Amino acid sequence: MLSSANLNLEGALIYIALMLFFGAGILYTLIVFIVNSVQKKPKSGSYYLISFFVSGFLVLLISALILISLLP
């Protein structure tokens, strides 16, 4: 029955937001770590933690702005 289907759209939206945040944060932090290691520029752990949160937040903000612009 179609009427008895339980669509958990809020949960899916939360999972998508978490995947975007952590995916972008980890990818950007890994790239920055590799570049700094090759250039022999040691950075502190707080530098990488801040870059993780900033990049994750920016990707969420950009994706929300794109989603809002696509709505009629």
PDB file of N, CA and C in Angstrom:
ATOM      1  N   MET A   1       0.832  -1.173   0.000  1.00  0.00           N
ATOM      2  CA  MET A   1       0.000   0.000   0.000  1.00  0.00           C
ATOM      3  C   MET A   1       0.883   1.245   0.000  1.00  0.00           C
ATOM      4  N   LEU A   2       0.539   2.151  -0.858  1.00  0.00           N
ATOM      5  CA  LEU A   2       1.296   3.383  -0.953  1.00  0.00           C
ATOM      6  C   LEU A   2       1.034   4.292   0.246  1.00  0.00           C
ATOM      7  N   SER A   3      -0.170   4.259   0.755  1.00  0.00           N
ATOM      8  CA  SER A   3      -0.508   5.147   1.860  1.00  0.00           C
ATOM      9  C   SER A   3       0.171   4.730   3.171  1.00  0.00           C
ATOM     10  N   SER A   4       0.596   3.492   3.254  1.00  0.00           N
ATOM     11  CA  SER A   4       1.223   3.043   4.490  1.00  0.00           C
ATOM     12  C   SER A   4       2.749   3.179   4.450  1.00  0.00           C
ATOM     13  N   ALA A   5       3.274   3.731   3.381  1.00  0.00           N
ATOM     14  CA  ALA A   5       4.723   3.912   3.279  1.00  0.00           C
ATOM     15  C   ALA A   5       5.160   5.030   4.223  1.00  0.00           C
ATOM     16  N   ASN A   6       6.239   4.773   4.897  1.00  0.00           N
ATOM     17  CA  ASN A   6       6.759   5.760   5.832  1.00  0.00           C
ATOM     18  C   ASN A   6       7.965   6.432   5.197  1.00  0.00           C
ATOM     19  N   LEU A   7       7.764   7.644   4.699  1.00  0.00           N
ATOM     20  CA  LEU A   7       8.856   8.386   4.088  1.00  0.00           C
ATOM     21  C   LEU A   7       9.470   9.304   5.137  1.00  0.00           C
ATOM     22  N   ASN A   8      10.702   9.023   5.470  1.00  0.00           N
ATOM     23  CA  ASN A   8      11.389   9.812   6.475  1.00  0.00           C
ATOM     24  C   ASN A   8      12.269  10.843   5.770  1.00  0.00           C
ATOM     25  N   LEU A   9      11.643  11.893   5.247  1.00  0.00           N
ATOM     26  CA  LEU A   9      12.377  12.894   4.484  1.00  0.00           C
ATOM     27  C   LEU A   9      13.256  13.758   5.373  1.00  0.00           C
ATOM     28  N   GLU A  10      12.819  14.000   6.596  1.00  0.00           N
ATOM     29  CA  GLU A  10      13.637  14.799   7.505  1.00  0.00           C
ATOM     30  C   GLU A  10      14.924  14.072   7.855  1.00  0.00           C
ATOM     31  N   GLY A  11      14.814  12.787   8.085  1.00  0.00           N
ATOM     32  CA  GLY A  11      16.004  11.994   8.386  1.00  0.00           C
ATOM     33  C   GLY A  11      16.957  11.947   7.206  1.00  0.00           C
ATOM     34  N   ALA A  12      16.401  11.828   5.999  1.00  0.00           N
ATOM     35  CA  ALA A  12      17.241  11.814   4.801  1.00  0.00           C
ATOM     36  C   ALA A  12      17.945  13.142   4.622  1.00  0.00           C
ATOM     37  N   LEU A  13      17.253  14.232   4.904  1.00  0.00           N
ATOM     38  CA  LEU A  13      17.861  15.555   4.781  1.00  0.00           C
ATOM     39  C   LEU A  13      18.991  15.732   5.791  1.00  0.00           C
ATOM     40  N   ILE A  14      18.801  15.230   6.984  1.00  0.00           N
ATOM     41  CA  ILE A  14      19.859  15.312   8.004  1.00  0.00           C
ATOM     42  C   ILE A  14      21.072  14.485   7.583  1.00  0.00           C
ATOM     43  N   TYR A  15      20.837  13.284   7.039  1.00  0.00           N
ATOM     44  CA  TYR A  15      21.945  12.452   6.584  1.00  0.00           C
ATOM     45  C   TYR A  15      22.699  13.101   5.426  1.00  0.00           C
ATOM     46  N   ILE A  16      21.979  13.726   4.511  1.00  0.00           N
ATOM     47  CA  ILE A  16      22.631  14.406   3.388  1.00  0.00           C
ATOM     48  C   ILE A  16      23.471  15.572   3.893  1.00  0.00           C
ATOM     49  N   ALA A  17      22.931  16.339   4.833  1.00  0.00           N
ATOM     50  CA  ALA A  17      23.677  17.472   5.381  1.00  0.00           C
ATOM     51  C   ALA A  17      24.936  16.989   6.112  1.00  0.00           C
ATOM     52  N   LEU A  18      24.816  15.913   6.873  1.00  0.00           N
ATOM     53  CA  LEU A  18      25.993  15.381   7.577  1.00  0.00           C
ATOM     54  C   LEU A  18      27.033  14.849   6.602  1.00  0.00           C
ATOM     55  N   MET A  19      26.573  14.175   5.546  1.00  0.00           N
ATOM     56  CA  MET A  19      27.508  13.656   4.554  1.00  0.00           C
ATOM     57  C   MET A  19      28.230  14.793   3.837  1.00  0.00           C
ATOM     58  N   LEU A  20      27.512  15.860   3.506  1.00  0.00           N
ATOM     59  CA  LEU A  20      28.151  17.013   2.871  1.00  0.00           C
ATOM     60  C   LEU A  20      29.163  17.666   3.804  1.00  0.00           C
ATOM     61  N   PHE A  21      28.763  17.874   5.057  1.00  0.00           N
ATOM     62  CA  PHE A  21      29.640  18.535   6.025  1.00  0.00           C
ATOM     63  C   PHE A  21      30.910  17.730   6.265  1.00  0.00           C
ATOM     64  N   PHE A  22      30.757  16.459   6.629  1.00  0.00           N
ATOM     65  CA  PHE A  22      31.930  15.654   6.952  1.00  0.00           C
ATOM     66  C   PHE A  22      32.748  15.310   5.713  1.00  0.00           C
ATOM     67  N   GLY A  23      32.084  15.081   4.594  1.00  0.00           N
ATOM     68  CA  GLY A  23      32.813  14.768   3.367  1.00  0.00           C
ATOM     69  C   GLY A  23      33.693  15.916   2.916  1.00  0.00           C
ATOM     70  N   ALA A  24      33.112  17.108   2.872  1.00  0.00           N
ATOM     71  CA  ALA A  24      33.892  18.279   2.468  1.00  0.00           C
ATOM     72  C   ALA A  24      34.973  18.599   3.489  1.00  0.00           C
ATOM     73  N   GLY A  25      34.643  18.494   4.771  1.00  0.00           N
ATOM     74  CA  GLY A  25      35.617  18.786   5.815  1.00  0.00           C
ATOM     75  C   GLY A  25      36.810  17.857   5.773  1.00  0.00           C
ATOM     76  N   ILE A  26      36.552  16.573   5.646  1.00  0.00           N
ATOM     77  CA  ILE A  26      37.649  15.601   5.620  1.00  0.00           C
ATOM     78  C   ILE A  26      38.470  15.745   4.352  1.00  0.00           C
ATOM     79  N   LEU A  27      37.812  15.927   3.206  1.00  0.00           N
ATOM     80  CA  LEU A  27      38.535  16.050   1.946  1.00  0.00           C
ATOM     81  C   LEU A  27      39.421  17.292   1.930  1.00  0.00           C
ATOM     82  N   TYR A  28      38.878  18.427   2.339  1.00  0.00           N
ATOM     83  CA  TYR A  28      39.669  19.661   2.345  1.00  0.00           C
ATOM     84  C   TYR A  28      40.817  19.572   3.347  1.00  0.00           C
ATOM     85  N   THR A  29      40.546  19.055   4.531  1.00  0.00           N
ATOM     86  CA  THR A  29      41.593  18.948   5.548  1.00  0.00           C
ATOM     87  C   THR A  29      42.700  18.009   5.093  1.00  0.00           C
ATOM     88  N   LEU A  30      42.342  16.925   4.432  1.00  0.00           N
ATOM     89  CA  LEU A  30      43.340  15.991   3.923  1.00  0.00           C
ATOM     90  C   LEU A  30      44.199  16.645   2.849  1.00  0.00           C
ATOM     91  N   ILE A  31      43.585  17.400   1.950  1.00  0.00           N
ATOM     92  CA  ILE A  31      44.335  18.088   0.904  1.00  0.00           C
ATOM     93  C   ILE A  31      45.282  19.119   1.517  1.00  0.00           C
ATOM     94  N   VAL A  32      44.792  19.900   2.476  1.00  0.00           N
ATOM     95  CA  VAL A  32      45.640  20.903   3.123  1.00  0.00           C
ATOM     96  C   VAL A  32      46.783  20.238   3.874  1.00  0.00           C
ATOM     97  N   PHE A  33      46.517  19.118   4.536  1.00  0.00           N
ATOM     98  CA  PHE A  33      47.564  18.401   5.258  1.00  0.00           C
ATOM     99  C   PHE A  33      48.643  17.901   4.308  1.00  0.00           C
ATOM    100  N   ILE A  34      48.240  17.352   3.173  1.00  0.00           N
ATOM    101  CA  ILE A  34      49.208  16.839   2.200  1.00  0.00           C
ATOM    102  C   ILE A  34      50.042  17.977   1.621  1.00  0.00           C
ATOM    103  N   VAL A  35      49.398  19.080   1.268  1.00  0.00           N
ATOM    104  CA  VAL A  35      50.132  20.224   0.717  1.00  0.00           C
ATOM    105  C   VAL A  35      51.113  20.774   1.738  1.00  0.00           C
ATOM    106  N   ASN A  36      50.696  20.905   2.982  1.00  0.00           N
ATOM    107  CA  ASN A  36      51.598  21.426   4.015  1.00  0.00           C
ATOM    108  C   ASN A  36      52.730  20.445   4.321  1.00  0.00           C
ATOM    109  N   SER A  37      52.461  19.152   4.211  1.00  0.00           N
ATOM    110  CA  SER A  37      53.523  18.166   4.436  1.00  0.00           C
ATOM    111  C   SER A  37      54.563  18.207   3.319  1.00  0.00           C
ATOM    112  N   VAL A  38      54.103  18.356   2.086  1.00  0.00           N
ATOM    113  CA  VAL A  38      55.039  18.419   0.961  1.00  0.00           C
ATOM    114  C   VAL A  38      55.865  19.689   1.029  1.00  0.00           C
ATOM    115  N   GLN A  39      55.253  20.796   1.424  1.00  0.00           N
ATOM    116  CA  GLN A  39      55.971  22.061   1.513  1.00  0.00           C
ATOM    117  C   GLN A  39      56.749  22.203   2.822  1.00  0.00           C
ATOM    118  N   LYS A  40      56.681  21.214   3.679  1.00  0.00           N
ATOM    119  CA  LYS A  40      57.378  21.192   4.968  1.00  0.00           C
ATOM    120  C   LYS A  40      57.001  22.393   5.837  1.00  0.00           C
ATOM    121  N   LYS A  41      55.705  22.676   5.898  1.00  0.00           N
ATOM    122  CA  LYS A  41      55.186  23.749   6.749  1.00  0.00           C
ATOM    123  C   LYS A  41      54.360  23.106   7.860  1.00  0.00           C
ATOM    124  N   PRO A  42      54.963  22.896   9.024  1.00  0.00           N
ATOM    125  CA  PRO A  42      54.201  22.256  10.101  1.00  0.00           C
ATOM    126  C   PRO A  42      53.112  23.188  10.645  1.00  0.00           C
ATOM    127  N   LYS A  43      51.940  22.645  10.809  1.00  0.00           N
ATOM    128  CA  LYS A  43      50.806  23.390  11.370  1.00  0.00           C
ATOM    129  C   LYS A  43      50.317  22.647  12.611  1.00  0.00           C
ATOM    130  N   SER A  44      49.624  23.375  13.464  1.00  0.00           N
ATOM    131  CA  SER A  44      49.113  22.756  14.690  1.00  0.00           C
ATOM    132  C   SER A  44      47.805  22.016  14.390  1.00  0.00           C
ATOM    133  N   GLY A  45      47.409  21.203  15.339  1.00  0.00           N
ATOM    134  CA  GLY A  45      46.164  20.455  15.190  1.00  0.00           C
ATOM    135  C   GLY A  45      44.943  21.347  15.156  1.00  0.00           C
ATOM    136  N   SER A  46      45.001  22.468  15.874  1.00  0.00           N
ATOM    137  CA  SER A  46      43.860  23.377  15.875  1.00  0.00           C
ATOM    138  C   SER A  46      43.664  24.023  14.503  1.00  0.00           C
ATOM    139  N   TYR A  47      44.747  24.222  13.755  1.00  0.00           N
ATOM    140  CA  TYR A  47      44.651  24.758  12.400  1.00  0.00           C
ATOM    141  C   TYR A  47      43.824  23.820  11.522  1.00  0.00           C
ATOM    142  N   TYR A  48      44.103  22.528  11.621  1.00  0.00           N
ATOM    143  CA  TYR A  48      43.369  21.552  10.808  1.00  0.00           C
ATOM    144  C   TYR A  48      41.933  21.392  11.302  1.00  0.00           C
ATOM    145  N   LEU A  49      41.711  21.497  12.585  1.00  0.00           N
ATOM    146  CA  LEU A  49      40.357  21.403  13.120  1.00  0.00           C
ATOM    147  C   LEU A  49      39.502  22.587  12.663  1.00  0.00           C
ATOM    148  N   ILE A  50      40.071  23.775  12.706  1.00  0.00           N
ATOM    149  CA  ILE A  50      39.345  24.962  12.254  1.00  0.00           C
ATOM    150  C   ILE A  50      39.076  24.876  10.752  1.00  0.00           C
ATOM    151  N   SER A  51      40.046  24.419   9.974  1.00  0.00           N
ATOM    152  CA  SER A  51      39.836  24.296   8.533  1.00  0.00           C
ATOM    153  C   SER A  51      38.769  23.248   8.225  1.00  0.00           C
ATOM    154  N   PHE A  52      38.687  22.196   9.031  1.00  0.00           N
ATOM    155  CA  PHE A  52      37.650  21.176   8.865  1.00  0.00           C
ATOM    156  C   PHE A  52      36.266  21.786   9.049  1.00  0.00           C
ATOM    157  N   PHE A  53      36.072  22.528  10.137  1.00  0.00           N
ATOM    158  CA  PHE A  53      34.764  23.107  10.415  1.00  0.00           C
ATOM    159  C   PHE A  53      34.393  24.214   9.422  1.00  0.00           C
ATOM    160  N   VAL A  54      35.349  25.029   9.059  1.00  0.00           N
ATOM    161  CA  VAL A  54      35.056  26.122   8.123  1.00  0.00           C
ATOM    162  C   VAL A  54      34.683  25.571   6.755  1.00  0.00           C
ATOM    163  N   SER A  55      35.434  24.602   6.250  1.00  0.00           N
ATOM    164  CA  SER A  55      35.121  24.047   4.933  1.00  0.00           C
ATOM    165  C   SER A  55      33.790  23.305   4.943  1.00  0.00           C
ATOM    166  N   GLY A  56      33.496  22.576   6.006  1.00  0.00           N
ATOM    167  CA  GLY A  56      32.213  21.894   6.095  1.00  0.00           C
ATOM    168  C   GLY A  56      31.052  22.867   6.136  1.00  0.00           C
ATOM    169  N   PHE A  57      31.207  23.929   6.903  1.00  0.00           N
ATOM    170  CA  PHE A  57      30.149  24.938   6.990  1.00  0.00           C
ATOM    171  C   PHE A  57      29.950  25.649   5.659  1.00  0.00           C
ATOM    172  N   LEU A  58      31.046  25.972   4.962  1.00  0.00           N
ATOM    173  CA  LEU A  58      30.923  26.659   3.682  1.00  0.00           C
ATOM    174  C   LEU A  58      30.235  25.792   2.633  1.00  0.00           C
ATOM    175  N   VAL A  59      30.528  24.512   2.609  1.00  0.00           N
ATOM    176  CA  VAL A  59      29.864  23.626   1.651  1.00  0.00           C
ATOM    177  C   VAL A  59      28.376  23.520   1.969  1.00  0.00           C
ATOM    178  N   LEU A  60      28.011  23.447   3.242  1.00  0.00           N
ATOM    179  CA  LEU A  60      26.595  23.430   3.606  1.00  0.00           C
ATOM    180  C   LEU A  60      25.909  24.726   3.194  1.00  0.00           C
ATOM    181  N   LEU A  61      26.572  25.843   3.387  1.00  0.00           N
ATOM    182  CA  LEU A  61      26.000  27.139   3.022  1.00  0.00           C
ATOM    183  C   LEU A  61      25.823  27.251   1.513  1.00  0.00           C
ATOM    184  N   ILE A  62      26.824  26.851   0.760  1.00  0.00           N
ATOM    185  CA  ILE A  62      26.740  26.920  -0.704  1.00  0.00           C
ATOM    186  C   ILE A  62      25.661  25.984  -1.225  1.00  0.00           C
ATOM    187  N   SER A  63      25.578  24.777  -0.679  1.00  0.00           N
ATOM    188  CA  SER A  63      24.551  23.838  -1.146  1.00  0.00           C
ATOM    189  C   SER A  63      23.149  24.327  -0.781  1.00  0.00           C
ATOM    190  N   ALA A  64      22.996  24.973   0.367  1.00  0.00           N
ATOM    191  CA  ALA A  64      21.685  25.528   0.732  1.00  0.00           C
ATOM    192  C   ALA A  64      21.311  26.681  -0.187  1.00  0.00           C
ATOM    193  N   LEU A  65      22.274  27.522  -0.537  1.00  0.00           N
ATOM    194  CA  LEU A  65      21.988  28.626  -1.458  1.00  0.00           C
ATOM    195  C   LEU A  65      21.624  28.109  -2.848  1.00  0.00           C
ATOM    196  N   ILE A  66      22.292  27.062  -3.299  1.00  0.00           N
ATOM    197  CA  ILE A  66      21.939  26.469  -4.601  1.00  0.00           C
ATOM    198  C   ILE A  66      20.546  25.873  -4.555  1.00  0.00           C
ATOM    199  N   LEU A  67      20.231  25.182  -3.461  1.00  0.00           N
ATOM    200  CA  LEU A  67      18.906  24.577  -3.330  1.00  0.00           C
ATOM    201  C   LEU A  67      17.815  25.640  -3.290  1.00  0.00           C
ATOM    202  N   ILE A  68      18.064  26.726  -2.594  1.00  0.00           N
ATOM    203  CA  ILE A  68      17.079  27.805  -2.512  1.00  0.00           C
ATOM    204  C   ILE A  68      16.879  28.468  -3.873  1.00  0.00           C
ATOM    205  N   SER A  69      17.972  28.609  -4.629  1.00  0.00           N
ATOM    206  CA  SER A  69      17.850  29.253  -5.943  1.00  0.00           C
ATOM    207  C   SER A  69      17.116  28.364  -6.945  1.00  0.00           C
ATOM    208  N   LEU A  70      17.091  27.054  -6.721  1.00  0.00           N
ATOM    209  CA  LEU A  70      16.399  26.147  -7.632  1.00  0.00           C
ATOM    210  C   LEU A  70      14.907  26.061  -7.354  1.00  0.00           C
ATOM    211  N   LEU A  71      14.491  26.476  -6.189  1.00  0.00           N
ATOM    212  CA  LEU A  71      13.069  26.419  -5.844  1.00  0.00           C
ATOM    213  C   LEU A  71      12.300  27.500  -6.611  1.00  0.00           C
ATOM    214  N   PRO A  72      11.064  27.202  -7.027  1.00  0.00           N
ATOM    215  CA  PRO A  72      10.301  28.192  -7.801  1.00  0.00           C
ATOM    216  C   PRO A  72       9.845  29.373  -6.980  1.00  0.00           C
TER     217      PRO A  72
END
